[in-house]
């Protein structure tokens, strides 16, 4: 008699939100917008990860302001947006599954009690119920567009804190672009950004693409040779609805112009 495989314990309960959020999912556009750190939800079973809400509301728990910018871009470009509702401290969806920072035990000086000694079952539950559905949605949309022979540009949205507790020097950039080898479209967007005299633009600053540690752009962009741009916007500039709307209005025409040049130059 064959022993039955144990039934995995569910992490998410009925009152927990679905991990994957969609906006304008039915629309067709050359752009697919993704937002890895849009939310700071925590499954009820994890009891807030042992943290006060104030910590989850910091940059360690969420990319502050970026969901509002992403939603504005989605509406202006009439492009689908796929976003993650759970905190990066629950499951860091932009890290490889074997990365020590996939479930960070400490983030910018803050210990995360629920991540200090996780069981293998806990780790697998977070992967299975939070990370995998999010990336499966992105992959399915990419597959569908490519199978139909339709153009596709991946737009990855992030925000960064003006300063870190661990390194309190102010970060001067208003916006940064992150890229690796496949930078044809990123360079076109960069050309648009540097025309803006009032912007301090980071080139792989404050972050670049780490092919060994990161997930979204390395897997969905670089490994598939898909044209992409990855934005990092400073959080104090998009902390309220007015700032978020202003940045969406600023970036939308830049992306449209960059795509027109990309198409004219034979990009695909």
Foldseek 3Di string as FASTA:
>chain_A
DDDDDDDADAQADPPFDAFKDKDLPVFDAQEEEEEEFAAADDHVVCVSLPDPVVVCPDCQFGQAQFVLLRNLLCVVRSHMYIYTHHTCCQAVLFWDLPDCSRNPCADLHRGRNNSPDDDPSSSVNCCVRHNVVRVVVVVVVVVVCVVVVHRHEYEYEGEDEQAGNVGRDGDPFQKEKADDDLCLLVVLLVVVVVVPPVGDYHYCPPHYDDLNTTDDCNPVPVVVVHHYIYMYGYNVQRNDSVSSNVVSVVSNVSSVVSVVVCVVVPHD
